[in-house]
Amino acid sequence: MKRVLVVDDSSTTRALIVSTIEEMEGFETVEAHNGFEALKRLPQQPFDLIVTDINMPDINGLEIVHFVKHHPQYQSIPLIIVSTEGSEDDVRKGLDLGASAYVKKPFEPDFLKTTIRQIIKG
């Protein structure tokens, strides 16, 4: 079973991402309502993927990507940014920090599933 940490301060968006991922066989999700909660959940259990929004109070998604990619214990976890911030500059920033993919909101659930399958093989 692959475990995915879903981080978004919008309960509606988080629910859509969770339901999309849980439709995929072999995946389970853990939710975090903001970046601070996400960082608290990281040491509690292993994660195979993190899906995060950018715009959140306290700790934003780019800060999560930076933290994960610079922490020896978590740096191998792939991250997908799902955000309304979709300019070329925003996408480049996210990928330069170490995100594996950038999905613009609104997104098609099948596109998110395909992106996840490309990143997590097996």
PDB file of N, CA and C in Angstrom:
ATOM      1  N   MET A   1       0.843  -1.186   0.000  1.00  0.00           N
ATOM      2  CA  MET A   1       0.000   0.000   0.000  1.00  0.00           C
ATOM      3  C   MET A   1       0.885   1.246   0.000  1.00  0.00           C
ATOM      4  N   LYS A   2       0.642   2.154  -0.939  1.00  0.00           N
ATOM      5  CA  LYS A   2       1.386   3.410  -1.019  1.00  0.00           C
ATOM      6  C   LYS A   2       0.632   4.469  -0.209  1.00  0.00           C
ATOM      7  N   ARG A   3       1.355   5.176   0.649  1.00  0.00           N
ATOM      8  CA  ARG A   3       0.740   6.186   1.515  1.00  0.00           C
ATOM      9  C   ARG A   3       1.078   7.585   0.989  1.00  0.00           C
ATOM     10  N   VAL A   4       0.023   8.398   0.806  1.00  0.00           N
ATOM     11  CA  VAL A   4       0.174   9.740   0.254  1.00  0.00           C
ATOM     12  C   VAL A   4      -0.288  10.769   1.281  1.00  0.00           C
ATOM     13  N   LEU A   5       0.565  11.753   1.562  1.00  0.00           N
ATOM     14  CA  LEU A   5       0.202  12.867   2.428  1.00  0.00           C
ATOM     15  C   LEU A   5      -0.373  13.969   1.547  1.00  0.00           C
ATOM     16  N   VAL A   6      -1.634  14.340   1.805  1.00  0.00           N
ATOM     17  CA  VAL A   6      -2.317  15.370   1.023  1.00  0.00           C
ATOM     18  C   VAL A   6      -2.424  16.628   1.885  1.00  0.00           C
ATOM     19  N   VAL A   7      -1.824  17.725   1.402  1.00  0.00           N
ATOM     20  CA  VAL A   7      -1.751  18.967   2.167  1.00  0.00           C
ATOM     21  C   VAL A   7      -2.458  20.081   1.401  1.00  0.00           C
ATOM     22  N   ASP A   8      -3.575  20.548   1.958  1.00  0.00           N
ATOM     23  CA  ASP A   8      -4.300  21.666   1.340  1.00  0.00           C
ATOM     24  C   ASP A   8      -5.199  22.280   2.400  1.00  0.00           C
ATOM     25  N   ASP A   9      -5.217  23.601   2.487  1.00  0.00           N
ATOM     26  CA  ASP A   9      -6.057  24.249   3.495  1.00  0.00           C
ATOM     27  C   ASP A   9      -7.519  24.333   3.077  1.00  0.00           C
ATOM     28  N   SER A  10      -7.818  24.035   1.821  1.00  0.00           N
ATOM     29  CA  SER A  10      -9.202  23.998   1.352  1.00  0.00           C
ATOM     30  C   SER A  10      -9.752  22.583   1.544  1.00  0.00           C
ATOM     31  N   SER A  11     -10.762  22.450   2.401  1.00  0.00           N
ATOM     32  CA  SER A  11     -11.321  21.113   2.659  1.00  0.00           C
ATOM     33  C   SER A  11     -11.946  20.534   1.400  1.00  0.00           C
ATOM     34  N   THR A  12     -12.509  21.371   0.538  1.00  0.00           N
ATOM     35  CA  THR A  12     -13.126  20.897  -0.702  1.00  0.00           C
ATOM     36  C   THR A  12     -12.071  20.326  -1.643  1.00  0.00           C
ATOM     37  N   THR A  13     -10.997  21.074  -1.842  1.00  0.00           N
ATOM     38  CA  THR A  13      -9.919  20.607  -2.724  1.00  0.00           C
ATOM     39  C   THR A  13      -9.251  19.372  -2.147  1.00  0.00           C
ATOM     40  N   ARG A  14      -9.003  19.389  -0.847  1.00  0.00           N
ATOM     41  CA  ARG A  14      -8.378  18.232  -0.197  1.00  0.00           C
ATOM     42  C   ARG A  14      -9.250  16.990  -0.390  1.00  0.00           C
ATOM     43  N   ALA A  15     -10.563  17.140  -0.221  1.00  0.00           N
ATOM     44  CA  ALA A  15     -11.481  16.001  -0.388  1.00  0.00           C
ATOM     45  C   ALA A  15     -11.444  15.480  -1.825  1.00  0.00           C
ATOM     46  N   LEU A  16     -11.357  16.378  -2.810  1.00  0.00           N
ATOM     47  CA  LEU A  16     -11.282  15.960  -4.208  1.00  0.00           C
ATOM     48  C   LEU A  16      -9.987  15.196  -4.477  1.00  0.00           C
ATOM     49  N   ILE A  17      -8.876  15.707  -3.959  1.00  0.00           N
ATOM     50  CA  ILE A  17      -7.587  15.026  -4.161  1.00  0.00           C
ATOM     51  C   ILE A  17      -7.596  13.664  -3.479  1.00  0.00           C
ATOM     52  N   VAL A  18      -8.090  13.612  -2.240  1.00  0.00           N
ATOM     53  CA  VAL A  18      -8.143  12.349  -1.490  1.00  0.00           C
ATOM     54  C   VAL A  18      -9.012  11.328  -2.216  1.00  0.00           C
ATOM     55  N   SER A  19     -10.197  11.742  -2.654  1.00  0.00           N
ATOM     56  CA  SER A  19     -11.080  10.780  -3.324  1.00  0.00           C
ATOM     57  C   SER A  19     -10.472  10.298  -4.641  1.00  0.00           C
ATOM     58  N   THR A  20      -9.787  11.193  -5.342  1.00  0.00           N
ATOM     59  CA  THR A  20      -9.123  10.811  -6.599  1.00  0.00           C
ATOM     60  C   THR A  20      -8.042   9.760  -6.333  1.00  0.00           C
ATOM     61  N   ILE A  21      -7.226   9.999  -5.324  1.00  0.00           N
ATOM     62  CA  ILE A  21      -6.134   9.068  -5.012  1.00  0.00           C
ATOM     63  C   ILE A  21      -6.683   7.739  -4.499  1.00  0.00           C
ATOM     64  N   GLU A  22      -7.697   7.808  -3.665  1.00  0.00           N
ATOM     65  CA  GLU A  22      -8.229   6.573  -3.084  1.00  0.00           C
ATOM     66  C   GLU A  22      -9.000   5.720  -4.090  1.00  0.00           C
ATOM     67  N   GLU A  23      -9.337   6.293  -5.250  1.00  0.00           N
ATOM     68  CA  GLU A  23      -9.919   5.499  -6.342  1.00  0.00           C
ATOM     69  C   GLU A  23      -8.864   4.599  -6.981  1.00  0.00           C
ATOM     70  N   MET A  24      -7.610   4.946  -6.773  1.00  0.00           N
ATOM     71  CA  MET A  24      -6.512   4.176  -7.350  1.00  0.00           C
ATOM     72  C   MET A  24      -6.217   2.980  -6.449  1.00  0.00           C
ATOM     73  N   GLU A  25      -6.057   1.830  -7.050  1.00  0.00           N
ATOM     74  CA  GLU A  25      -5.775   0.626  -6.276  1.00  0.00           C
ATOM     75  C   GLU A  25      -4.389   0.707  -5.648  1.00  0.00           C
ATOM     76  N   GLY A  26      -4.318   0.344  -4.364  1.00  0.00           N
ATOM     77  CA  GLY A  26      -3.028   0.284  -3.687  1.00  0.00           C
ATOM     78  C   GLY A  26      -2.568   1.593  -3.071  1.00  0.00           C
ATOM     79  N   PHE A  27      -3.473   2.565  -2.967  1.00  0.00           N
ATOM     80  CA  PHE A  27      -3.114   3.858  -2.394  1.00  0.00           C
ATOM     81  C   PHE A  27      -4.012   4.187  -1.209  1.00  0.00           C
ATOM     82  N   GLU A  28      -3.401   4.796  -0.181  1.00  0.00           N
ATOM     83  CA  GLU A  28      -4.161   5.335   0.938  1.00  0.00           C
ATOM     84  C   GLU A  28      -3.650   6.743   1.206  1.00  0.00           C
ATOM     85  N   THR A  29      -4.478   7.549   1.851  1.00  0.00           N
ATOM     86  CA  THR A  29      -4.107   8.942   2.068  1.00  0.00           C
ATOM     87  C   THR A  29      -4.135   9.310   3.543  1.00  0.00           C
ATOM     88  N   VAL A  30      -3.345  10.308   3.868  1.00  0.00           N
ATOM     89  CA  VAL A  30      -3.352  10.957   5.180  1.00  0.00           C
ATOM     90  C   VAL A  30      -3.497  12.441   4.872  1.00  0.00           C
ATOM     91  N   GLU A  31      -4.392  13.112   5.582  1.00  0.00           N
ATOM     92  CA  GLU A  31      -4.661  14.525   5.294  1.00  0.00           C
ATOM     93  C   GLU A  31      -3.978  15.451   6.293  1.00  0.00           C
ATOM     94  N   ALA A  32      -3.558  16.614   5.766  1.00  0.00           N
ATOM     95  CA  ALA A  32      -3.047  17.697   6.605  1.00  0.00           C
ATOM     96  C   ALA A  32      -3.743  18.975   6.142  1.00  0.00           C
ATOM     97  N   HIS A  33      -4.249  19.744   7.104  1.00  0.00           N
ATOM     98  CA  HIS A  33      -5.027  20.947   6.793  1.00  0.00           C
ATOM     99  C   HIS A  33      -4.166  22.163   6.472  1.00  0.00           C
ATOM    100  N   ASN A  34      -2.869  22.068   6.745  1.00  0.00           N
ATOM    101  CA  ASN A  34      -1.955  23.173   6.451  1.00  0.00           C
ATOM    102  C   ASN A  34      -0.517  22.648   6.498  1.00  0.00           C
ATOM    103  N   GLY A  35       0.414  23.538   6.177  1.00  0.00           N
ATOM    104  CA  GLY A  35       1.815  23.133   6.129  1.00  0.00           C
ATOM    105  C   GLY A  35       2.375  22.724   7.476  1.00  0.00           C
ATOM    106  N   PHE A  36       1.970  23.414   8.516  1.00  0.00           N
ATOM    107  CA  PHE A  36       2.461  23.089   9.852  1.00  0.00           C
ATOM    108  C   PHE A  36       2.031  21.674  10.244  1.00  0.00           C
ATOM    109  N   GLU A  37       0.758  21.351   9.988  1.00  0.00           N
ATOM    110  CA  GLU A  37       0.265  20.009  10.300  1.00  0.00           C
ATOM    111  C   GLU A  37       0.999  18.952   9.460  1.00  0.00           C
ATOM    112  N   ALA A  38       1.297  19.283   8.217  1.00  0.00           N
ATOM    113  CA  ALA A  38       2.027  18.351   7.350  1.00  0.00           C
ATOM    114  C   ALA A  38       3.389  18.011   7.938  1.00  0.00           C
ATOM    115  N   LEU A  39       4.105  19.039   8.408  1.00  0.00           N
ATOM    116  CA  LEU A  39       5.433  18.801   8.978  1.00  0.00           C
ATOM    117  C   LEU A  39       5.342  17.999  10.279  1.00  0.00           C
ATOM    118  N   LYS A  40       4.252  18.150  11.010  1.00  0.00           N
ATOM    119  CA  LYS A  40       4.058  17.347  12.223  1.00  0.00           C
ATOM    120  C   LYS A  40       3.767  15.882  11.866  1.00  0.00           C
ATOM    121  N   ARG A  41       3.110  15.645  10.732  1.00  0.00           N
ATOM    122  CA  ARG A  41       2.749  14.274  10.339  1.00  0.00           C
ATOM    123  C   ARG A  41       3.924  13.498   9.729  1.00  0.00           C
ATOM    124  N   LEU A  42       4.869  14.195   9.144  1.00  0.00           N
ATOM    125  CA  LEU A  42       5.986  13.514   8.468  1.00  0.00           C
ATOM    126  C   LEU A  42       6.699  12.472   9.328  1.00  0.00           C
ATOM    127  N   PRO A  43       7.075  12.787  10.578  1.00  0.00           N
ATOM    128  CA  PRO A  43       7.804  11.776  11.354  1.00  0.00           C
ATOM    129  C   PRO A  43       6.911  10.673  11.939  1.00  0.00           C
ATOM    130  N   GLN A  44       5.598  10.791  11.803  1.00  0.00           N
ATOM    131  CA  GLN A  44       4.687   9.828  12.416  1.00  0.00           C
ATOM    132  C   GLN A  44       4.600   8.510  11.653  1.00  0.00           C
ATOM    133  N   GLN A  45       4.843   8.533  10.353  1.00  0.00           N
ATOM    134  CA  GLN A  45       4.751   7.331   9.526  1.00  0.00           C
ATOM    135  C   GLN A  45       5.445   7.595   8.191  1.00  0.00           C
ATOM    136  N   PRO A  46       5.837   6.535   7.490  1.00  0.00           N
ATOM    137  CA  PRO A  46       6.502   6.758   6.196  1.00  0.00           C
ATOM    138  C   PRO A  46       5.493   7.143   5.109  1.00  0.00           C
ATOM    139  N   PHE A  47       5.913   8.018   4.208  1.00  0.00           N
ATOM    140  CA  PHE A  47       5.073   8.424   3.080  1.00  0.00           C
ATOM    141  C   PHE A  47       5.797   8.128   1.780  1.00  0.00           C
ATOM    142  N   ASP A  48       5.018   7.723   0.771  1.00  0.00           N
ATOM    143  CA  ASP A  48       5.561   7.427  -0.549  1.00  0.00           C
ATOM    144  C   ASP A  48       5.434   8.617  -1.493  1.00  0.00           C
ATOM    145  N   LEU A  49       4.584   9.590  -1.111  1.00  0.00           N
ATOM    146  CA  LEU A  49       4.341  10.755  -1.956  1.00  0.00           C
ATOM    147  C   LEU A  49       3.698  11.840  -1.094  1.00  0.00           C
ATOM    148  N   ILE A  50       3.998  13.101  -1.429  1.00  0.00           N
ATOM    149  CA  ILE A  50       3.323  14.240  -0.817  1.00  0.00           C
ATOM    150  C   ILE A  50       2.691  15.052  -1.940  1.00  0.00           C
ATOM    151  N   VAL A  51       1.406  15.372  -1.787  1.00  0.00           N
ATOM    152  CA  VAL A  51       0.694  16.241  -2.721  1.00  0.00           C
ATOM    153  C   VAL A  51       0.344  17.497  -1.933  1.00  0.00           C
ATOM    154  N   THR A  52       0.847  18.651  -2.376  1.00  0.00           N
ATOM    155  CA  THR A  52       0.648  19.879  -1.603  1.00  0.00           C
ATOM    156  C   THR A  52       0.200  21.058  -2.453  1.00  0.00           C
ATOM    157  N   ASP A  53      -0.615  21.886  -1.844  1.00  0.00           N
ATOM    158  CA  ASP A  53      -0.993  23.181  -2.398  1.00  0.00           C
ATOM    159  C   ASP A  53       0.171  24.139  -2.125  1.00  0.00           C
ATOM    160  N   ILE A  54       0.160  25.306  -2.768  1.00  0.00           N
ATOM    161  CA  ILE A  54       1.176  26.316  -2.465  1.00  0.00           C
ATOM    162  C   ILE A  54       0.641  27.319  -1.445  1.00  0.00           C
ATOM    163  N   ASN A  55      -0.484  27.931  -1.767  1.00  0.00           N
ATOM    164  CA  ASN A  55      -1.005  29.023  -0.933  1.00  0.00           C
ATOM    165  C   ASN A  55      -1.736  28.489   0.293  1.00  0.00           C
ATOM    166  N   MET A  56      -1.045  28.533   1.432  1.00  0.00           N
ATOM    167  CA  MET A  56      -1.628  28.103   2.704  1.00  0.00           C
ATOM    168  C   MET A  56      -1.107  29.018   3.791  1.00  0.00           C
ATOM    169  N   PRO A  57      -1.885  29.160   4.868  1.00  0.00           N
ATOM    170  CA  PRO A  57      -1.385  29.964   5.990  1.00  0.00           C
ATOM    171  C   PRO A  57      -0.197  29.271   6.653  1.00  0.00           C
ATOM    172  N   ASP A  58       0.515  29.951   7.440  1.00  0.00           N
ATOM    173  CA  ASP A  58       1.717  29.525   8.177  1.00  0.00           C
ATOM    174  C   ASP A  58       2.811  29.028   7.245  1.00  0.00           C
ATOM    175  N   ILE A  59       2.869  27.781   6.918  1.00  0.00           N
ATOM    176  CA  ILE A  59       3.924  27.214   6.062  1.00  0.00           C
ATOM    177  C   ILE A  59       3.317  26.900   4.702  1.00  0.00           C
ATOM    178  N   ASN A  60       3.842  27.524   3.639  1.00  0.00           N
ATOM    179  CA  ASN A  60       3.251  27.282   2.317  1.00  0.00           C
ATOM    180  C   ASN A  60       3.876  26.058   1.635  1.00  0.00           C
ATOM    181  N   GLY A  61       3.314  25.686   0.510  1.00  0.00           N
ATOM    182  CA  GLY A  61       3.745  24.482  -0.196  1.00  0.00           C
ATOM    183  C   GLY A  61       5.184  24.521  -0.665  1.00  0.00           C
ATOM    184  N   LEU A  62       5.653  25.684  -1.098  1.00  0.00           N
ATOM    185  CA  LEU A  62       7.049  25.778  -1.532  1.00  0.00           C
ATOM    186  C   LEU A  62       7.989  25.560  -0.348  1.00  0.00           C
ATOM    187  N   GLU A  63       7.609  26.047   0.816  1.00  0.00           N
ATOM    188  CA  GLU A  63       8.419  25.812   2.018  1.00  0.00           C
ATOM    189  C   GLU A  63       8.414  24.327   2.395  1.00  0.00           C
ATOM    190  N   ILE A  64       7.299  23.652   2.174  1.00  0.00           N
ATOM    191  CA  ILE A  64       7.237  22.205   2.433  1.00  0.00           C
ATOM    192  C   ILE A  64       8.196  21.473   1.492  1.00  0.00           C
ATOM    193  N   VAL A  65       8.138  21.824   0.199  1.00  0.00           N
ATOM    194  CA  VAL A  65       9.037  21.194  -0.779  1.00  0.00           C
ATOM    195  C   VAL A  65      10.492  21.424  -0.362  1.00  0.00           C
ATOM    196  N   HIS A  66      10.826  22.662  -0.025  1.00  0.00           N
ATOM    197  CA  HIS A  66      12.197  22.986   0.384  1.00  0.00           C
ATOM    198  C   HIS A  66      12.614  22.172   1.606  1.00  0.00           C
ATOM    199  N   PHE A  67      11.744  22.108   2.625  1.00  0.00           N
ATOM    200  CA  PHE A  67      12.064  21.358   3.842  1.00  0.00           C
ATOM    201  C   PHE A  67      12.296  19.878   3.530  1.00  0.00           C
ATOM    202  N   VAL A  68      11.364  19.281   2.804  1.00  0.00           N
ATOM    203  CA  VAL A  68      11.454  17.841   2.506  1.00  0.00           C
ATOM    204  C   VAL A  68      12.728  17.532   1.711  1.00  0.00           C
ATOM    205  N   LYS A  69      13.013  18.326   0.695  1.00  0.00           N
ATOM    206  CA  LYS A  69      14.157  18.052  -0.171  1.00  0.00           C
ATOM    207  C   LYS A  69      15.501  18.341   0.493  1.00  0.00           C
ATOM    208  N   HIS A  70      15.498  19.067   1.608  1.00  0.00           N
ATOM    209  CA  HIS A  70      16.742  19.360   2.324  1.00  0.00           C
ATOM    210  C   HIS A  70      16.875  18.592   3.632  1.00  0.00           C
ATOM    211  N   HIS A  71      15.960  17.687   3.895  1.00  0.00           N
ATOM    212  CA  HIS A  71      16.007  16.895   5.125  1.00  0.00           C
ATOM    213  C   HIS A  71      16.418  15.471   4.762  1.00  0.00           C
ATOM    214  N   PRO A  72      17.529  14.987   5.296  1.00  0.00           N
ATOM    215  CA  PRO A  72      18.034  13.654   4.915  1.00  0.00           C
ATOM    216  C   PRO A  72      17.004  12.524   5.084  1.00  0.00           C
ATOM    217  N   GLN A  73      16.152  12.635   6.074  1.00  0.00           N
ATOM    218  CA  GLN A  73      15.186  11.569   6.333  1.00  0.00           C
ATOM    219  C   GLN A  73      14.052  11.547   5.307  1.00  0.00           C
ATOM    220  N   TYR A  74      13.755  12.691   4.684  1.00  0.00           N
ATOM    221  CA  TYR A  74      12.581  12.792   3.806  1.00  0.00           C
ATOM    222  C   TYR A  74      12.901  13.109   2.356  1.00  0.00           C
ATOM    223  N   GLN A  75      14.152  13.423   2.046  1.00  0.00           N
ATOM    224  CA  GLN A  75      14.479  13.954   0.722  1.00  0.00           C
ATOM    225  C   GLN A  75      14.153  13.026  -0.446  1.00  0.00           C
ATOM    226  N   SER A  76      13.979  11.739  -0.177  1.00  0.00           N
ATOM    227  CA  SER A  76      13.654  10.820  -1.270  1.00  0.00           C
ATOM    228  C   SER A  76      12.145  10.760  -1.563  1.00  0.00           C
ATOM    229  N   ILE A  77      11.329  11.426  -0.747  1.00  0.00           N
ATOM    230  CA  ILE A  77       9.877  11.417  -0.981  1.00  0.00           C
ATOM    231  C   ILE A  77       9.556  12.355  -2.143  1.00  0.00           C
ATOM    232  N   PRO A  78       8.917  11.850  -3.192  1.00  0.00           N
ATOM    233  CA  PRO A  78       8.526  12.736  -4.291  1.00  0.00           C
ATOM    234  C   PRO A  78       7.364  13.631  -3.876  1.00  0.00           C
ATOM    235  N   LEU A  79       7.291  14.814  -4.466  1.00  0.00           N
ATOM    236  CA  LEU A  79       6.224  15.766  -4.179  1.00  0.00           C
ATOM    237  C   LEU A  79       5.550  16.209  -5.470  1.00  0.00           C
ATOM    238  N   ILE A  80       4.233  16.381  -5.392  1.00  0.00           N
ATOM    239  CA  ILE A  80       3.467  16.978  -6.481  1.00  0.00           C
ATOM    240  C   ILE A  80       2.823  18.241  -5.924  1.00  0.00           C
ATOM    241  N   ILE A  81       3.022  19.349  -6.616  1.00  0.00           N
ATOM    242  CA  ILE A  81       2.349  20.589  -6.251  1.00  0.00           C
ATOM    243  C   ILE A  81       1.058  20.661  -7.049  1.00  0.00           C
ATOM    244  N   VAL A  82      -0.055  20.917  -6.365  1.00  0.00           N
ATOM    245  CA  VAL A  82      -1.342  21.141  -7.013  1.00  0.00           C
ATOM    246  C   VAL A  82      -1.780  22.536  -6.601  1.00  0.00           C
ATOM    247  N   SER A  83      -1.824  23.476  -7.556  1.00  0.00           N
ATOM    248  CA  SER A  83      -2.047  24.867  -7.181  1.00  0.00           C
ATOM    249  C   SER A  83      -2.728  25.667  -8.275  1.00  0.00           C
ATOM    250  N   THR A  84      -3.412  26.730  -7.855  1.00  0.00           N
ATOM    251  CA  THR A  84      -3.965  27.685  -8.814  1.00  0.00           C
ATOM    252  C   THR A  84      -2.871  28.606  -9.336  1.00  0.00           C
ATOM    253  N   GLU A  85      -1.751  28.676  -8.616  1.00  0.00           N
ATOM    254  CA  GLU A  85      -0.613  29.488  -9.050  1.00  0.00           C
ATOM    255  C   GLU A  85       0.049  28.762 -10.212  1.00  0.00           C
ATOM    256  N   GLY A  86      -0.294  29.146 -11.439  1.00  0.00           N
ATOM    257  CA  GLY A  86       0.152  28.361 -12.579  1.00  0.00           C
ATOM    258  C   GLY A  86       1.021  29.080 -13.578  1.00  0.00           C
ATOM    259  N   SER A  87       1.596  30.227 -13.200  1.00  0.00           N
ATOM    260  CA  SER A  87       2.466  30.927 -14.153  1.00  0.00           C
ATOM    261  C   SER A  87       3.733  30.101 -14.374  1.00  0.00           C
ATOM    262  N   GLU A  88       4.414  30.390 -15.484  1.00  0.00           N
ATOM    263  CA  GLU A  88       5.670  29.667 -15.770  1.00  0.00           C
ATOM    264  C   GLU A  88       6.655  29.834 -14.625  1.00  0.00           C
ATOM    265  N   ASP A  89       6.695  31.028 -14.030  1.00  0.00           N
ATOM    266  CA  ASP A  89       7.609  31.311 -12.929  1.00  0.00           C
ATOM    267  C   ASP A  89       7.273  30.444 -11.712  1.00  0.00           C
ATOM    268  N   ASP A  90       5.968  30.336 -11.392  1.00  0.00           N
ATOM    269  CA  ASP A  90       5.551  29.512 -10.257  1.00  0.00           C
ATOM    270  C   ASP A  90       5.918  28.043 -10.476  1.00  0.00           C
ATOM    271  N   VAL A  91       5.637  27.553 -11.678  1.00  0.00           N
ATOM    272  CA  VAL A  91       5.944  26.159 -11.993  1.00  0.00           C
ATOM    273  C   VAL A  91       7.445  25.919 -11.889  1.00  0.00           C
ATOM    274  N   ARG A  92       8.232  26.817 -12.467  1.00  0.00           N
ATOM    275  CA  ARG A  92       9.696  26.673 -12.437  1.00  0.00           C
ATOM    276  C   ARG A  92      10.212  26.687 -11.001  1.00  0.00           C
ATOM    277  N   LYS A  93       9.680  27.602 -10.167  1.00  0.00           N
ATOM    278  CA  LYS A  93      10.094  27.665  -8.759  1.00  0.00           C
ATOM    279  C   LYS A  93       9.849  26.331  -8.060  1.00  0.00           C
ATOM    280  N   GLY A  94       8.658  25.784  -8.242  1.00  0.00           N
ATOM    281  CA  GLY A  94       8.310  24.524  -7.592  1.00  0.00           C
ATOM    282  C   GLY A  94       9.196  23.378  -8.041  1.00  0.00           C
ATOM    283  N   LEU A  95       9.423  23.287  -9.346  1.00  0.00           N
ATOM    284  CA  LEU A  95      10.255  22.204  -9.876  1.00  0.00           C
ATOM    285  C   LEU A  95      11.720  22.402  -9.494  1.00  0.00           C
ATOM    286  N   ASP A  96      12.188  23.658  -9.499  1.00  0.00           N
ATOM    287  CA  ASP A  96      13.573  23.938  -9.102  1.00  0.00           C
ATOM    288  C   ASP A  96      13.824  23.573  -7.642  1.00  0.00           C
ATOM    289  N   LEU A  97      12.809  23.736  -6.795  1.00  0.00           N
ATOM    290  CA  LEU A  97      12.955  23.374  -5.383  1.00  0.00           C
ATOM    291  C   LEU A  97      12.983  21.861  -5.177  1.00  0.00           C
ATOM    292  N   GLY A  98      12.502  21.112  -6.173  1.00  0.00           N
ATOM    293  CA  GLY A  98      12.564  19.655  -6.058  1.00  0.00           C
ATOM    294  C   GLY A  98      11.257  18.919  -6.234  1.00  0.00           C
ATOM    295  N   ALA A  99      10.174  19.641  -6.536  1.00  0.00           N
ATOM    296  CA  ALA A  99       8.910  18.947  -6.793  1.00  0.00           C
ATOM    297  C   ALA A  99       9.057  18.082  -8.043  1.00  0.00           C
ATOM    298  N   SER A 100       8.400  16.929  -8.040  1.00  0.00           N
ATOM    299  CA  SER A 100       8.467  16.019  -9.186  1.00  0.00           C
ATOM    300  C   SER A 100       7.506  16.430 -10.294  1.00  0.00           C
ATOM    301  N   ALA A 101       6.422  17.106  -9.922  1.00  0.00           N
ATOM    302  CA  ALA A 101       5.418  17.520 -10.903  1.00  0.00           C
ATOM    303  C   ALA A 101       4.639  18.705 -10.363  1.00  0.00           C
ATOM    304  N   TYR A 102       3.978  19.411 -11.285  1.00  0.00           N
ATOM    305  CA  TYR A 102       3.182  20.578 -10.943  1.00  0.00           C
ATOM    306  C   TYR A 102       1.854  20.435 -11.675  1.00  0.00           C
ATOM    307  N   VAL A 103       0.768  20.331 -10.935  1.00  0.00           N
ATOM    308  CA  VAL A 103      -0.562  20.169 -11.518  1.00  0.00           C
ATOM    309  C   VAL A 103      -1.353  21.439 -11.219  1.00  0.00           C
ATOM    310  N   LYS A 104      -1.853  22.068 -12.272  1.00  0.00           N
ATOM    311  CA  LYS A 104      -2.598  23.316 -12.095  1.00  0.00           C
ATOM    312  C   LYS A 104      -4.065  23.019 -11.773  1.00  0.00           C
ATOM    313  N   LYS A 105      -4.605  23.792 -10.800  1.00  0.00           N
ATOM    314  CA  LYS A 105      -6.034  23.725 -10.483  1.00  0.00           C
ATOM    315  C   LYS A 105      -6.760  24.655 -11.443  1.00  0.00           C
ATOM    316  N   PRO A 106      -7.959  24.324 -11.872  1.00  0.00           N
ATOM    317  CA  PRO A 106      -8.639  23.049 -11.615  1.00  0.00           C
ATOM    318  C   PRO A 106      -8.001  21.958 -12.464  1.00  0.00           C
ATOM    319  N   PHE A 107      -8.045  20.739 -11.972  1.00  0.00           N
ATOM    320  CA  PHE A 107      -7.406  19.638 -12.672  1.00  0.00           C
ATOM    321  C   PHE A 107      -8.436  18.531 -12.933  1.00  0.00           C
ATOM    322  N   GLU A 108      -8.141  17.729 -13.937  1.00  0.00           N
ATOM    323  CA  GLU A 108      -8.954  16.553 -14.211  1.00  0.00           C
ATOM    324  C   GLU A 108      -8.435  15.429 -13.319  1.00  0.00           C
ATOM    325  N   PRO A 109      -9.315  14.729 -12.601  1.00  0.00           N
ATOM    326  CA  PRO A 109      -8.855  13.628 -11.737  1.00  0.00           C
ATOM    327  C   PRO A 109      -7.976  12.615 -12.471  1.00  0.00           C
ATOM    328  N   ASP A 110      -8.308  12.307 -13.723  1.00  0.00           N
ATOM    329  CA  ASP A 110      -7.495  11.340 -14.477  1.00  0.00           C
ATOM    330  C   ASP A 110      -6.083  11.852 -14.715  1.00  0.00           C
ATOM    331  N   PHE A 111      -5.942  13.165 -14.886  1.00  0.00           N
ATOM    332  CA  PHE A 111      -4.609  13.739 -15.076  1.00  0.00           C
ATOM    333  C   PHE A 111      -3.782  13.580 -13.802  1.00  0.00           C
ATOM    334  N   LEU A 112      -4.406  13.829 -12.654  1.00  0.00           N
ATOM    335  CA  LEU A 112      -3.693  13.657 -11.384  1.00  0.00           C
ATOM    336  C   LEU A 112      -3.295  12.191 -11.196  1.00  0.00           C
ATOM    337  N   LYS A 113      -4.202  11.277 -11.504  1.00  0.00           N
ATOM    338  CA  LYS A 113      -3.896   9.838 -11.372  1.00  0.00           C
ATOM    339  C   LYS A 113      -2.715   9.453 -12.266  1.00  0.00           C
ATOM    340  N   THR A 114      -2.725   9.930 -13.499  1.00  0.00           N
ATOM    341  CA  THR A 114      -1.635   9.621 -14.435  1.00  0.00           C
ATOM    342  C   THR A 114      -0.317  10.178 -13.915  1.00  0.00           C
ATOM    343  N   THR A 115      -0.348  11.394 -13.399  1.00  0.00           N
ATOM    344  CA  THR A 115       0.855  12.020 -12.846  1.00  0.00           C
ATOM    345  C   THR A 115       1.394  11.206 -11.676  1.00  0.00           C
ATOM    346  N   ILE A 116       0.511  10.768 -10.786  1.00  0.00           N
ATOM    347  CA  ILE A 116       0.920   9.964  -9.635  1.00  0.00           C
ATOM    348  C   ILE A 116       1.524   8.648 -10.104  1.00  0.00           C
ATOM    349  N   ARG A 117       0.892   7.988 -11.058  1.00  0.00           N
ATOM    350  CA  ARG A 117       1.409   6.702 -11.566  1.00  0.00           C
ATOM    351  C   ARG A 117       2.781   6.851 -12.216  1.00  0.00           C
ATOM    352  N   GLN A 118       3.006   7.990 -12.886  1.00  0.00           N
ATOM    353  CA  GLN A 118       4.312   8.226 -13.509  1.00  0.00           C
ATOM    354  C   GLN A 118       5.399   8.392 -12.448  1.00  0.00           C
ATOM    355  N   ILE A 119       5.039   8.995 -11.313  1.00  0.00           N
ATOM    356  CA  ILE A 119       6.018   9.255 -10.270  1.00  0.00           C
ATOM    357  C   ILE A 119       6.242   8.044  -9.392  1.00  0.00           C
ATOM    358  N   ILE A 120       5.156   7.342  -9.065  1.00  0.00           N
ATOM    359  CA  ILE A 120       5.257   6.142  -8.215  1.00  0.00           C
ATOM    360  C   ILE A 120       4.977   4.930  -9.084  1.00  0.00           C
ATOM    361  N   LYS A 121       6.009   4.248  -9.431  1.00  0.00           N
ATOM    362  CA  LYS A 121       5.845   3.027 -10.236  1.00  0.00           C
ATOM    363  C   LYS A 121       5.891   1.826  -9.293  1.00  0.00           C
ATOM    364  N   GLY A 122       4.873   0.984  -9.399  1.00  0.00           N
ATOM    365  CA  GLY A 122       4.879  -0.220  -8.555  1.00  0.00           C
ATOM    366  C   GLY A 122       3.867  -0.227  -7.519  1.00  0.00           C
TER     367      GLY A 122
END
